[in-house]
Every structure is written in structure tokens, then in C-alpha cells.
């Protein structure tokens, strides 16, 4: 019953910017943390950024990406600047959510594709 929906992916030239959004909905009691992960073809899924009371970033995106949240809307954003071809991947939203059924578990969105051309 919990759903995460991403939006904002697309095609952009190197050096350009995109803003991703992820909205959580359903039978949510609380959200402990949210974050963004990405997976390129033939590679493992990797952490991009997370947000709780503070923010954390992968070294590869520090200084270029910014994660933020709107608690009232159960939504997080990923502002992606100075994009590089190596940023090309499917970006997934992740959230650790407590519901009326479970103490807490991870939920994943279906992903949104970001393609950076050179």
C-alpha cells in the first residue's frame, strides 16, 4: 500500500541540470529516512545521497548534487548540476517507512532514467 513515485528524469547535455522528485504515499506512520540510489547498465546499484536530520553524499557527486526534503508532502528532491556522462543511470528513490503492518522496512520506487550526453 506504500508507494514511491519518482519524476524528473530525462535527457540532458553534459554540464546541464535536472531536478528529480520522489513522493511517498499510502499507509505511512512515519518515515525514518529517504535517499537516492542509481544503477547504470552492468553495474551495481550505488548510493547517491540520503537525508535524515542531516545529508550525506557519495564522493562522486559532492559539490554537484543537492538532496532536500519537504516533510509536509513526504517528498524529497535531488538537484543535479554539472552533470557528466558517467551520471547516466536509472535513479531510484528509497525510503525506510513504518506502517501499521510493519515495524519498518525499505521501499523502492520504480526508477527514473537520467541520460547525460557528451
PDB file of N, CA and C in Angstrom:
ATOM      1  N   UNK A   1       0.796  -1.210   0.000  1.00  0.00           N
ATOM      2  CA  UNK A   1       0.000   0.000   0.000  1.00  0.00           C
ATOM      3  C   UNK A   1       0.837   1.272   0.000  1.00  0.00           C
ATOM      4  N   UNK A   2       2.113   1.153   0.366  1.00  0.00           N
ATOM      5  CA  UNK A   2       3.017   2.293   0.300  1.00  0.00           C
ATOM      6  C   UNK A   2       3.579   2.377  -1.110  1.00  0.00           C
ATOM      7  N   UNK A   3       3.658   3.579  -1.623  1.00  0.00           N
ATOM      8  CA  UNK A   3       4.160   3.782  -2.969  1.00  0.00           C
ATOM      9  C   UNK A   3       5.110   4.977  -3.014  1.00  0.00           C
ATOM     10  N   UNK A   4       6.218   4.808  -3.734  1.00  0.00           N
ATOM     11  CA  UNK A   4       7.144   5.891  -4.002  1.00  0.00           C
ATOM     12  C   UNK A   4       7.120   6.162  -5.502  1.00  0.00           C
ATOM     13  N   UNK A   5       6.920   7.412  -5.875  1.00  0.00           N
ATOM     14  CA  UNK A   5       6.825   7.777  -7.280  1.00  0.00           C
ATOM     15  C   UNK A   5       7.872   8.829  -7.601  1.00  0.00           C
ATOM     16  N   UNK A   6       8.789   8.486  -8.520  1.00  0.00           N
ATOM     17  CA  UNK A   6       9.826   9.411  -8.955  1.00  0.00           C
ATOM     18  C   UNK A   6       9.397  10.138 -10.220  1.00  0.00           C
ATOM     19  N   UNK A   7       9.964  11.312 -10.421  1.00  0.00           N
ATOM     20  CA  UNK A   7       9.743  12.066 -11.641  1.00  0.00           C
ATOM     21  C   UNK A   7      10.929  12.995 -11.870  1.00  0.00           C
ATOM     22  N   UNK A   8      11.055  13.499 -13.090  1.00  0.00           N
ATOM     23  CA  UNK A   8      12.064  14.496 -13.397  1.00  0.00           C
ATOM     24  C   UNK A   8      13.228  14.020 -14.239  1.00  0.00           C
ATOM     25  N   UNK A   9      13.306  12.728 -14.526  1.00  0.00           N
ATOM     26  CA  UNK A   9      14.383  12.224 -15.354  1.00  0.00           C
ATOM     27  C   UNK A   9      14.233  12.664 -16.796  1.00  0.00           C
ATOM     28  N   UNK A  10      15.310  12.508 -17.564  1.00  0.00           N
ATOM     29  CA  UNK A  10      15.272  12.891 -18.961  1.00  0.00           C
ATOM     30  C   UNK A  10      16.648  12.911 -19.576  1.00  0.00           C
ATOM     31  N   UNK A  11      16.733  13.514 -20.754  1.00  0.00           N
ATOM     32  CA  UNK A  11      17.982  13.630 -21.499  1.00  0.00           C
ATOM     33  C   UNK A  11      18.526  15.045 -21.369  1.00  0.00           C
ATOM     34  N   UNK A  12      19.807  15.152 -21.045  1.00  0.00           N
ATOM     35  CA  UNK A  12      20.429  16.457 -20.867  1.00  0.00           C
ATOM     36  C   UNK A  12      21.877  16.395 -21.339  1.00  0.00           C
ATOM     37  N   UNK A  13      22.399  17.517 -21.820  1.00  0.00           N
ATOM     38  CA  UNK A  13      23.796  17.585 -22.226  1.00  0.00           C
ATOM     39  C   UNK A  13      24.714  17.688 -21.015  1.00  0.00           C
ATOM     40  N   UNK A  14      25.948  17.242 -21.188  1.00  0.00           N
ATOM     41  CA  UNK A  14      26.945  17.391 -20.132  1.00  0.00           C
ATOM     42  C   UNK A  14      27.042  18.850 -19.712  1.00  0.00           C
ATOM     43  N   UNK A  15      27.107  19.061 -18.397  1.00  0.00           N
ATOM     44  CA  UNK A  15      27.143  20.405 -17.854  1.00  0.00           C
ATOM     45  C   UNK A  15      25.776  20.955 -17.507  1.00  0.00           C
ATOM     46  N   UNK A  16      24.730  20.279 -17.925  1.00  0.00           N
ATOM     47  CA  UNK A  16      23.373  20.719 -17.662  1.00  0.00           C
ATOM     48  C   UNK A  16      22.873  20.278 -16.303  1.00  0.00           C
ATOM     49  N   UNK A  17      21.578  20.545 -16.052  1.00  0.00           N
ATOM     50  CA  UNK A  17      20.978  20.272 -14.756  1.00  0.00           C
ATOM     51  C   UNK A  17      19.630  19.576 -14.899  1.00  0.00           C
ATOM     52  N   UNK A  18      19.280  18.797 -13.884  1.00  0.00           N
ATOM     53  CA  UNK A  18      17.971  18.181 -13.754  1.00  0.00           C
ATOM     54  C   UNK A  18      17.589  18.181 -12.286  1.00  0.00           C
ATOM     55  N   UNK A  19      16.289  18.163 -12.022  1.00  0.00           N
ATOM     56  CA  UNK A  19      15.786  18.066 -10.656  1.00  0.00           C
ATOM     57  C   UNK A  19      14.833  16.885 -10.561  1.00  0.00           C
ATOM     58  N   UNK A  20      15.183  15.906  -9.735  1.00  0.00           N
ATOM     59  CA  UNK A  20      14.357  14.736  -9.521  1.00  0.00           C
ATOM     60  C   UNK A  20      13.481  14.925  -8.290  1.00  0.00           C
ATOM     61  N   UNK A  21      12.283  14.340  -8.331  1.00  0.00           N
ATOM     62  CA  UNK A  21      11.358  14.388  -7.210  1.00  0.00           C
ATOM     63  C   UNK A  21      10.913  12.982  -6.857  1.00  0.00           C
ATOM     64  N   UNK A  22      10.621  12.755  -5.582  1.00  0.00           N
ATOM     65  CA  UNK A  22      10.095  11.476  -5.119  1.00  0.00           C
ATOM     66  C   UNK A  22       9.051  11.739  -4.048  1.00  0.00           C
ATOM     67  N   UNK A  23       7.828  11.303  -4.288  1.00  0.00           N
ATOM     68  CA  UNK A  23       6.734  11.483  -3.349  1.00  0.00           C
ATOM     69  C   UNK A  23       6.301  10.140  -2.780  1.00  0.00           C
ATOM     70  N   UNK A  24       6.218  10.052  -1.465  1.00  0.00           N
ATOM     71  CA  UNK A  24       5.763   8.845  -0.784  1.00  0.00           C
ATOM     72  C   UNK A  24       4.297   8.989  -0.399  1.00  0.00           C
ATOM     73  N   UNK A  25       3.523   7.924  -0.604  1.00  0.00           N
ATOM     74  CA  UNK A  25       2.107   7.952  -0.255  1.00  0.00           C
ATOM     75  C   UNK A  25       1.668   6.580   0.241  1.00  0.00           C
ATOM     76  N   UNK A  26       0.502   6.529   0.888  1.00  0.00           N
ATOM     77  CA  UNK A  26      -0.030   5.279   1.390  1.00  0.00           C
ATOM     78  C   UNK A  26      -0.214   5.305   2.896  1.00  0.00           C
ATOM     79  N   UNK A  27      -0.268   4.107   3.484  1.00  0.00           N
ATOM     80  CA  UNK A  27      -0.496   3.974   4.925  1.00  0.00           C
ATOM     81  C   UNK A  27       0.819   4.163   5.679  1.00  0.00           C
ATOM     82  N   UNK A  28       1.239   5.404   5.799  1.00  0.00           N
ATOM     83  CA  UNK A  28       2.528   5.746   6.396  1.00  0.00           C
ATOM     84  C   UNK A  28       2.332   6.251   7.818  1.00  0.00           C
ATOM     85  N   UNK A  29       3.032   5.625   8.741  1.00  0.00           N
ATOM     86  CA  UNK A  29       3.044   6.101  10.113  1.00  0.00           C
ATOM     87  C   UNK A  29       4.185   7.094  10.320  1.00  0.00           C
ATOM     88  N   UNK A  30       5.354   6.740   9.822  1.00  0.00           N
ATOM     89  CA  UNK A  30       6.490   7.635   9.892  1.00  0.00           C
ATOM     90  C   UNK A  30       7.517   7.231   8.841  1.00  0.00           C
ATOM     91  N   UNK A  31       8.334   8.190   8.444  1.00  0.00           N
ATOM     92  CA  UNK A  31       9.432   7.946   7.519  1.00  0.00           C
ATOM     93  C   UNK A  31      10.734   8.274   8.241  1.00  0.00           C
ATOM     94  N   UNK A  32      11.567   7.273   8.431  1.00  0.00           N
ATOM     95  CA  UNK A  32      12.799   7.462   9.182  1.00  0.00           C
ATOM     96  C   UNK A  32      13.898   8.094   8.331  1.00  0.00           C
ATOM     97  N   UNK A  33      13.962   7.710   7.063  1.00  0.00           N
ATOM     98  CA  UNK A  33      14.974   8.257   6.178  1.00  0.00           C
ATOM     99  C   UNK A  33      14.543   8.088   4.733  1.00  0.00           C
ATOM    100  N   UNK A  34      15.109   8.907   3.871  1.00  0.00           N
ATOM    101  CA  UNK A  34      14.869   8.792   2.440  1.00  0.00           C
ATOM    102  C   UNK A  34      16.180   9.059   1.714  1.00  0.00           C
ATOM    103  N   UNK A  35      16.282   8.545   0.497  1.00  0.00           N
ATOM    104  CA  UNK A  35      17.507   8.754  -0.245  1.00  0.00           C
ATOM    105  C   UNK A  35      17.366   8.402  -1.711  1.00  0.00           C
ATOM    106  N   UNK A  36      18.438   8.667  -2.438  1.00  0.00           N
ATOM    107  CA  UNK A  36      18.509   8.370  -3.859  1.00  0.00           C
ATOM    108  C   UNK A  36      19.642   7.394  -4.130  1.00  0.00           C
ATOM    109  N   UNK A  37      19.388   6.414  -4.978  1.00  0.00           N
ATOM    110  CA  UNK A  37      20.377   5.463  -5.460  1.00  0.00           C
ATOM    111  C   UNK A  37      20.333   5.471  -6.983  1.00  0.00           C
ATOM    112  N   UNK A  38      21.382   4.949  -7.610  1.00  0.00           N
ATOM    113  CA  UNK A  38      21.383   4.870  -9.063  1.00  0.00           C
ATOM    114  C   UNK A  38      22.055   3.586  -9.516  1.00  0.00           C
ATOM    115  N   UNK A  39      21.677   3.140 -10.714  1.00  0.00           N
ATOM    116  CA  UNK A  39      22.245   1.933 -11.282  1.00  0.00           C
ATOM    117  C   UNK A  39      22.426   2.109 -12.781  1.00  0.00           C
ATOM    118  N   UNK A  40      23.663   1.989 -13.224  1.00  0.00           N
ATOM    119  CA  UNK A  40      23.991   2.035 -14.639  1.00  0.00           C
ATOM    120  C   UNK A  40      24.026   0.612 -15.187  1.00  0.00           C
ATOM    121  N   UNK A  41      23.827   0.434 -16.494  1.00  0.00           N
ATOM    122  CA  UNK A  41      23.858  -0.913 -17.084  1.00  0.00           C
ATOM    123  C   UNK A  41      25.162  -1.636 -16.771  1.00  0.00           C
ATOM    124  N   UNK A  42      25.051  -2.875 -16.301  1.00  0.00           N
ATOM    125  CA  UNK A  42      26.215  -3.673 -15.996  1.00  0.00           C
ATOM    126  C   UNK A  42      26.916  -3.330 -14.702  1.00  0.00           C
ATOM    127  N   UNK A  43      26.365  -2.420 -13.923  1.00  0.00           N
ATOM    128  CA  UNK A  43      26.976  -2.016 -12.672  1.00  0.00           C
ATOM    129  C   UNK A  43      26.014  -2.234 -11.504  1.00  0.00           C
ATOM    130  N   UNK A  44      26.579  -2.280 -10.307  1.00  0.00           N
ATOM    131  CA  UNK A  44      25.773  -2.442  -9.107  1.00  0.00           C
ATOM    132  C   UNK A  44      25.084  -1.135  -8.738  1.00  0.00           C
ATOM    133  N   UNK A  45      23.961  -1.265  -8.054  1.00  0.00           N
ATOM    134  CA  UNK A  45      23.273  -0.084  -7.559  1.00  0.00           C
ATOM    135  C   UNK A  45      24.129   0.583  -6.480  1.00  0.00           C
ATOM    136  N   UNK A  46      24.234   1.901  -6.535  1.00  0.00           N
ATOM    137  CA  UNK A  46      25.065   2.629  -5.596  1.00  0.00           C
ATOM    138  C   UNK A  46      24.302   3.781  -4.961  1.00  0.00           C
ATOM    139  N   UNK A  47      24.705   4.120  -3.754  1.00  0.00           N
ATOM    140  CA  UNK A  47      24.100   5.241  -3.049  1.00  0.00           C
ATOM    141  C   UNK A  47      24.540   6.555  -3.675  1.00  0.00           C
ATOM    142  N   UNK A  48      23.595   7.474  -3.822  1.00  0.00           N
ATOM    143  CA  UNK A  48      23.887   8.813  -4.312  1.00  0.00           C
ATOM    144  C   UNK A  48      23.833   9.819  -3.166  1.00  0.00           C
ATOM    145  N   UNK A  49      22.716   9.838  -2.447  1.00  0.00           N
ATOM    146  CA  UNK A  49      22.548  10.780  -1.345  1.00  0.00           C
ATOM    147  C   UNK A  49      21.430  10.313  -0.430  1.00  0.00           C
ATOM    148  N   UNK A  50      21.544  10.622   0.854  1.00  0.00           N
ATOM    149  CA  UNK A  50      20.494  10.326   1.825  1.00  0.00           C
ATOM    150  C   UNK A  50      20.228  11.556   2.673  1.00  0.00           C
ATOM    151  N   UNK A  51      19.039  11.577   3.291  1.00  0.00           N
ATOM    152  CA  UNK A  51      18.691  12.697   4.153  1.00  0.00           C
ATOM    153  C   UNK A  51      17.882  12.207   5.345  1.00  0.00           C
ATOM    154  N   UNK A  52      18.332  12.568   6.523  1.00  0.00           N
ATOM    155  CA  UNK A  52      17.596  12.362   7.769  1.00  0.00           C
ATOM    156  C   UNK A  52      17.547  13.729   8.440  1.00  0.00           C
ATOM    157  N   UNK A  53      18.208  13.868   9.578  1.00  0.00           N
ATOM    158  CA  UNK A  53      18.392  15.192  10.163  1.00  0.00           C
ATOM    159  C   UNK A  53      19.579  15.903   9.521  1.00  0.00           C
ATOM    160  N   UNK A  54      20.353  15.165   8.742  1.00  0.00           N
ATOM    161  CA  UNK A  54      21.489  15.706   8.018  1.00  0.00           C
ATOM    162  C   UNK A  54      21.534  15.058   6.643  1.00  0.00           C
ATOM    163  N   UNK A  55      22.480  15.483   5.825  1.00  0.00           N
ATOM    164  CA  UNK A  55      22.602  14.933   4.476  1.00  0.00           C
ATOM    165  C   UNK A  55      23.943  14.242   4.295  1.00  0.00           C
ATOM    166  N   UNK A  56      23.956  13.229   3.434  1.00  0.00           N
ATOM    167  CA  UNK A  56      25.167  12.506   3.101  1.00  0.00           C
ATOM    168  C   UNK A  56      25.211  12.282   1.597  1.00  0.00           C
ATOM    169  N   UNK A  57      26.404  12.361   1.025  1.00  0.00           N
ATOM    170  CA  UNK A  57      26.569  12.241  -0.415  1.00  0.00           C
ATOM    171  C   UNK A  57      27.697  11.288  -0.762  1.00  0.00           C
ATOM    172  N   UNK A  58      27.540  10.609  -1.897  1.00  0.00           N
ATOM    173  CA  UNK A  58      28.656   9.866  -2.454  1.00  0.00           C
ATOM    174  C   UNK A  58      29.737  10.845  -2.889  1.00  0.00           C
ATOM    175  N   UNK A  59      30.998  10.426  -2.781  1.00  0.00           N
ATOM    176  CA  UNK A  59      32.099  11.308  -3.149  1.00  0.00           C
ATOM    177  C   UNK A  59      31.992  11.786  -4.600  1.00  0.00           C
ATOM    178  N   UNK A  60      31.465  10.945  -5.467  1.00  0.00           N
ATOM    179  CA  UNK A  60      31.400  11.260  -6.883  1.00  0.00           C
ATOM    180  C   UNK A  60      30.439  12.397  -7.219  1.00  0.00           C
ATOM    181  N   UNK A  61      29.517  12.731  -6.301  1.00  0.00           N
ATOM    182  CA  UNK A  61      28.530  13.772  -6.587  1.00  0.00           C
ATOM    183  C   UNK A  61      28.637  14.972  -5.661  1.00  0.00           C
ATOM    184  N   UNK A  62      29.528  14.928  -4.689  1.00  0.00           N
ATOM    185  CA  UNK A  62      29.685  16.051  -3.769  1.00  0.00           C
ATOM    186  C   UNK A  62      30.039  17.329  -4.524  1.00  0.00           C
ATOM    187  N   UNK A  63      29.370  18.404  -4.160  1.00  0.00           N
ATOM    188  CA  UNK A  63      29.592  19.683  -4.808  1.00  0.00           C
ATOM    189  C   UNK A  63      28.771  19.889  -6.058  1.00  0.00           C
ATOM    190  N   UNK A  64      28.117  18.834  -6.550  1.00  0.00           N
ATOM    191  CA  UNK A  64      27.312  18.931  -7.765  1.00  0.00           C
ATOM    192  C   UNK A  64      25.831  18.640  -7.520  1.00  0.00           C
ATOM    193  N   UNK A  65      25.537  17.695  -6.628  1.00  0.00           N
ATOM    194  CA  UNK A  65      24.159  17.299  -6.337  1.00  0.00           C
ATOM    195  C   UNK A  65      23.750  17.797  -4.961  1.00  0.00           C
ATOM    196  N   UNK A  66      22.460  18.114  -4.801  1.00  0.00           N
ATOM    197  CA  UNK A  66      21.920  18.542  -3.522  1.00  0.00           C
ATOM    198  C   UNK A  66      20.606  17.822  -3.252  1.00  0.00           C
ATOM    199  N   UNK A  67      20.508  17.155  -2.101  1.00  0.00           N
ATOM    200  CA  UNK A  67      19.271  16.499  -1.701  1.00  0.00           C
ATOM    201  C   UNK A  67      18.537  17.388  -0.711  1.00  0.00           C
ATOM    202  N   UNK A  68      17.214  17.451  -0.829  1.00  0.00           N
ATOM    203  CA  UNK A  68      16.397  18.250   0.074  1.00  0.00           C
ATOM    204  C   UNK A  68      15.071  17.544   0.314  1.00  0.00           C
ATOM    205  N   UNK A  69      14.288  18.034   1.267  1.00  0.00           N
ATOM    206  CA  UNK A  69      13.024  17.385   1.593  1.00  0.00           C
ATOM    207  C   UNK A  69      11.946  18.386   1.943  1.00  0.00           C
ATOM    208  N   UNK A  70      10.697  17.951   1.748  1.00  0.00           N
ATOM    209  CA  UNK A  70       9.517  18.683   2.163  1.00  0.00           C
ATOM    210  C   UNK A  70       8.723  17.708   3.031  1.00  0.00           C
ATOM    211  N   UNK A  71       8.882  17.811   4.341  1.00  0.00           N
ATOM    212  CA  UNK A  71       8.262  16.851   5.252  1.00  0.00           C
ATOM    213  C   UNK A  71       6.736  16.855   5.177  1.00  0.00           C
ATOM    214  N   UNK A  72       6.153  18.024   4.965  1.00  0.00           N
ATOM    215  CA  UNK A  72       4.701  18.125   4.890  1.00  0.00           C
ATOM    216  C   UNK A  72       4.135  17.345   3.709  1.00  0.00           C
ATOM    217  N   UNK A  73       4.928  17.187   2.658  1.00  0.00           N
ATOM    218  CA  UNK A  73       4.483  16.479   1.463  1.00  0.00           C
ATOM    219  C   UNK A  73       5.087  15.086   1.336  1.00  0.00           C
ATOM    220  N   UNK A  74       5.895  14.663   2.312  1.00  0.00           N
ATOM    221  CA  UNK A  74       6.600  13.379   2.240  1.00  0.00           C
ATOM    222  C   UNK A  74       7.343  13.243   0.916  1.00  0.00           C
ATOM    223  N   UNK A  75       8.042  14.294   0.557  1.00  0.00           N
ATOM    224  CA  UNK A  75       8.706  14.368  -0.735  1.00  0.00           C
ATOM    225  C   UNK A  75      10.170  14.757  -0.569  1.00  0.00           C
ATOM    226  N   UNK A  76      11.036  14.145  -1.375  1.00  0.00           N
ATOM    227  CA  UNK A  76      12.427  14.556  -1.437  1.00  0.00           C
ATOM    228  C   UNK A  76      12.765  14.942  -2.870  1.00  0.00           C
ATOM    229  N   UNK A  77      13.840  15.712  -2.992  1.00  0.00           N
ATOM    230  CA  UNK A  77      14.293  16.185  -4.288  1.00  0.00           C
ATOM    231  C   UNK A  77      15.786  15.937  -4.429  1.00  0.00           C
ATOM    232  N   UNK A  78      16.234  15.847  -5.660  1.00  0.00           N
ATOM    233  CA  UNK A  78      17.654  15.768  -5.950  1.00  0.00           C
ATOM    234  C   UNK A  78      17.964  16.761  -7.056  1.00  0.00           C
ATOM    235  N   UNK A  79      18.611  17.863  -6.686  1.00  0.00           N
ATOM    236  CA  UNK A  79      19.050  18.844  -7.663  1.00  0.00           C
ATOM    237  C   UNK A  79      20.398  18.403  -8.201  1.00  0.00           C
ATOM    238  N   UNK A  80      20.478  18.169  -9.498  1.00  0.00           N
ATOM    239  CA  UNK A  80      21.665  17.633 -10.136  1.00  0.00           C
ATOM    240  C   UNK A  80      22.235  18.682 -11.082  1.00  0.00           C
ATOM    241  N   UNK A  81      23.394  19.229 -10.731  1.00  0.00           N
ATOM    242  CA  UNK A  81      24.063  20.238 -11.538  1.00  0.00           C
ATOM    243  C   UNK A  81      25.375  19.701 -12.085  1.00  0.00           C
ATOM    244  N   UNK A  82      25.897  20.372 -13.093  1.00  0.00           N
ATOM    245  CA  UNK A  82      27.171  19.996 -13.709  1.00  0.00           C
ATOM    246  C   UNK A  82      27.208  18.515 -14.053  1.00  0.00           C
ATOM    247  N   UNK A  83      26.161  18.050 -14.697  1.00  0.00           N
ATOM    248  CA  UNK A  83      26.027  16.628 -14.993  1.00  0.00           C
ATOM    249  C   UNK A  83      27.109  16.146 -15.958  1.00  0.00           C
ATOM    250  N   UNK A  84      27.557  14.914 -15.736  1.00  0.00           N
ATOM    251  CA  UNK A  84      28.577  14.271 -16.543  1.00  0.00           C
ATOM    252  C   UNK A  84      28.003  13.019 -17.190  1.00  0.00           C
ATOM    253  N   UNK A  85      28.574  12.573 -18.319  1.00  0.00           N
ATOM    254  CA  UNK A  85      28.094  11.329 -18.937  1.00  0.00           C
ATOM    255  C   UNK A  85      28.089  10.143 -17.975  1.00  0.00           C
ATOM    256  N   UNK A  86      29.042  10.086 -17.061  1.00  0.00           N
ATOM    257  CA  UNK A  86      29.094   8.990 -16.110  1.00  0.00           C
ATOM    258  C   UNK A  86      27.971   9.025 -15.077  1.00  0.00           C
ATOM    259  N   UNK A  87      27.183  10.103 -15.053  1.00  0.00           N
ATOM    260  CA  UNK A  87      25.998  10.163 -14.197  1.00  0.00           C
ATOM    261  C   UNK A  87      24.811   9.436 -14.818  1.00  0.00           C
ATOM    262  N   UNK A  88      24.928   9.017 -16.064  1.00  0.00           N
ATOM    263  CA  UNK A  88      23.847   8.318 -16.743  1.00  0.00           C
ATOM    264  C   UNK A  88      23.492   7.034 -16.003  1.00  0.00           C
ATOM    265  N   UNK A  89      22.229   6.899 -15.623  1.00  0.00           N
ATOM    266  CA  UNK A  89      21.775   5.741 -14.853  1.00  0.00           C
ATOM    267  C   UNK A  89      20.278   5.851 -14.615  1.00  0.00           C
ATOM    268  N   UNK A  90      19.701   4.770 -14.121  1.00  0.00           N
ATOM    269  CA  UNK A  90      18.352   4.823 -13.583  1.00  0.00           C
ATOM    270  C   UNK A  90      18.469   5.222 -12.120  1.00  0.00           C
ATOM    271  N   UNK A  91      17.771   6.263 -11.738  1.00  0.00           N
ATOM    272  CA  UNK A  91      17.815   6.762 -10.373  1.00  0.00           C
ATOM    273  C   UNK A  91      16.588   6.287  -9.614  1.00  0.00           C
ATOM    274  N   UNK A  92      16.828   5.684  -8.446  1.00  0.00           N
ATOM    275  CA  UNK A  92      15.769   5.105  -7.631  1.00  0.00           C
ATOM    276  C   UNK A  92      15.613   5.849  -6.313  1.00  0.00           C
ATOM    277  N   UNK A  93      14.387   6.083  -5.934  1.00  0.00           N
ATOM    278  CA  UNK A  93      14.080   6.648  -4.628  1.00  0.00           C
ATOM    279  C   UNK A  93      13.935   5.521  -3.616  1.00  0.00           C
ATOM    280  N   UNK A  94      14.469   5.728  -2.426  1.00  0.00           N
ATOM    281  CA  UNK A  94      14.393   4.748  -1.348  1.00  0.00           C
ATOM    282  C   UNK A  94      13.901   5.429  -0.080  1.00  0.00           C
ATOM    283  N   UNK A  95      13.088   4.700   0.701  1.00  0.00           N
ATOM    284  CA  UNK A  95      12.624   5.228   1.981  1.00  0.00           C
ATOM    285  C   UNK A  95      12.472   4.106   2.986  1.00  0.00           C
ATOM    286  N   UNK A  96      12.865   4.365   4.221  1.00  0.00           N
ATOM    287  CA  UNK A  96      12.620   3.445   5.320  1.00  0.00           C
ATOM    288  C   UNK A  96      11.359   3.937   6.023  1.00  0.00           C
ATOM    289  N   UNK A  97      10.295   3.137   5.948  1.00  0.00           N
ATOM    290  CA  UNK A  97       8.974   3.583   6.365  1.00  0.00           C
ATOM    291  C   UNK A  97       8.360   2.632   7.385  1.00  0.00           C
ATOM    292  N   UNK A  98       7.758   3.196   8.429  1.00  0.00           N
ATOM    293  CA  UNK A  98       6.987   2.440   9.410  1.00  0.00           C
ATOM    294  C   UNK A  98       5.515   2.562   9.043  1.00  0.00           C
ATOM    295  N   UNK A  99       4.830   1.428   8.926  1.00  0.00           N
ATOM    296  CA  UNK A  99       3.402   1.407   8.631  1.00  0.00           C
ATOM    297  C   UNK A  99       2.644   0.763   9.783  1.00  0.00           C
ATOM    298  N   UNK A 100       1.322   0.616   9.633  1.00  0.00           N
ATOM    299  CA  UNK A 100       0.527  -0.064  10.652  1.00  0.00           C
ATOM    300  C   UNK A 100       0.767  -1.568  10.651  1.00  0.00           C
ATOM    301  N   UNK A 101       1.354  -2.097   9.585  1.00  0.00           N
ATOM    302  CA  UNK A 101       1.596  -3.528   9.454  1.00  0.00           C
ATOM    303  C   UNK A 101       3.002  -3.940   9.893  1.00  0.00           C
ATOM    304  N   UNK A 102       4.002  -3.130   9.547  1.00  0.00           N
ATOM    305  CA  UNK A 102       5.385  -3.476   9.813  1.00  0.00           C
ATOM    306  C   UNK A 102       6.055  -2.467  10.733  1.00  0.00           C
ATOM    307  N   UNK A 103       7.020  -2.968  11.509  1.00  0.00           N
ATOM    308  CA  UNK A 103       7.797  -2.078  12.365  1.00  0.00           C
ATOM    309  C   UNK A 103       8.550  -1.056  11.513  1.00  0.00           C
ATOM    310  N   UNK A 104       9.099  -1.536  10.409  1.00  0.00           N
ATOM    311  CA  UNK A 104       9.807  -0.667   9.495  1.00  0.00           C
ATOM    312  C   UNK A 104      10.502  -1.477   8.419  1.00  0.00           C
ATOM    313  N   UNK A 105      10.496  -0.975   7.198  1.00  0.00           N
ATOM    314  CA  UNK A 105      11.160  -1.654   6.096  1.00  0.00           C
ATOM    315  C   UNK A 105      11.487  -0.665   4.988  1.00  0.00           C
ATOM    316  N   UNK A 106      12.347  -1.099   4.076  1.00  0.00           N
ATOM    317  CA  UNK A 106      12.727  -0.272   2.934  1.00  0.00           C
ATOM    318  C   UNK A 106      11.728  -0.417   1.801  1.00  0.00           C
ATOM    319  N   UNK A 107      11.403   0.704   1.164  1.00  0.00           N
ATOM    320  CA  UNK A 107      10.571   0.735  -0.027  1.00  0.00           C
ATOM    321  C   UNK A 107      11.345   1.396  -1.151  1.00  0.00           C
ATOM    322  N   UNK A 108      11.059   0.971  -2.380  1.00  0.00           N
ATOM    323  CA  UNK A 108      11.745   1.488  -3.555  1.00  0.00           C
ATOM    324  C   UNK A 108      10.756   1.968  -4.601  1.00  0.00           C
ATOM    325  N   UNK A 109      11.112   3.046  -5.286  1.00  0.00           N
ATOM    326  CA  UNK A 109      10.358   3.473  -6.438  1.00  0.00           C
ATOM    327  C   UNK A 109      10.749   2.662  -7.655  1.00  0.00           C
ATOM    328  N   UNK A 110      10.040   2.860  -8.762  1.00  0.00           N
ATOM    329  CA  UNK A 110      10.320   2.120  -9.994  1.00  0.00           C
ATOM    330  C   UNK A 110      11.530   2.666 -10.745  1.00  0.00           C
ATOM    331  N   UNK A 111      11.939   3.874 -10.439  1.00  0.00           N
ATOM    332  CA  UNK A 111      13.110   4.468 -11.050  1.00  0.00           C
ATOM    333  C   UNK A 111      12.762   5.462 -12.150  1.00  0.00           C
ATOM    334  N   UNK A 112      13.665   6.407 -12.367  1.00  0.00           N
ATOM    335  CA  UNK A 112      13.535   7.362 -13.456  1.00  0.00           C
ATOM    336  C   UNK A 112      14.886   7.460 -14.160  1.00  0.00           C
ATOM    337  N   UNK A 113      14.872   7.430 -15.485  1.00  0.00           N
ATOM    338  CA  UNK A 113      16.097   7.372 -16.269  1.00  0.00           C
ATOM    339  C   UNK A 113      16.674   8.756 -16.499  1.00  0.00           C
ATOM    340  N   UNK A 114      17.961   8.894 -16.193  1.00  0.00           N
ATOM    341  CA  UNK A 114      18.714  10.109 -16.469  1.00  0.00           C
ATOM    342  C   UNK A 114      19.790   9.768 -17.489  1.00  0.00           C
ATOM    343  N   UNK A 115      19.783  10.460 -18.620  1.00  0.00           N
ATOM    344  CA  UNK A 115      20.772  10.244 -19.665  1.00  0.00           C
ATOM    345  C   UNK A 115      21.514  11.545 -19.927  1.00  0.00           C
ATOM    346  N   UNK A 116      22.834  11.508 -19.794  1.00  0.00           N
ATOM    347  CA  UNK A 116      23.671  12.684 -19.997  1.00  0.00           C
ATOM    348  C   UNK A 116      24.528  12.452 -21.231  1.00  0.00           C
ATOM    349  N   UNK A 117      24.359  13.287 -22.232  1.00  0.00           N
ATOM    350  CA  UNK A 117      25.113  13.157 -23.477  1.00  0.00           C
ATOM    351  C   UNK A 117      26.334  14.063 -23.457  1.00  0.00           C
ATOM    352  N   UNK A 118      27.348  13.709 -24.250  1.00  0.00           N
ATOM    353  CA  UNK A 118      28.561  14.498 -24.355  1.00  0.00           C
ATOM    354  C   UNK A 118      28.620  15.270 -25.657  1.00  0.00           C
TER     355      UNK A 118
END
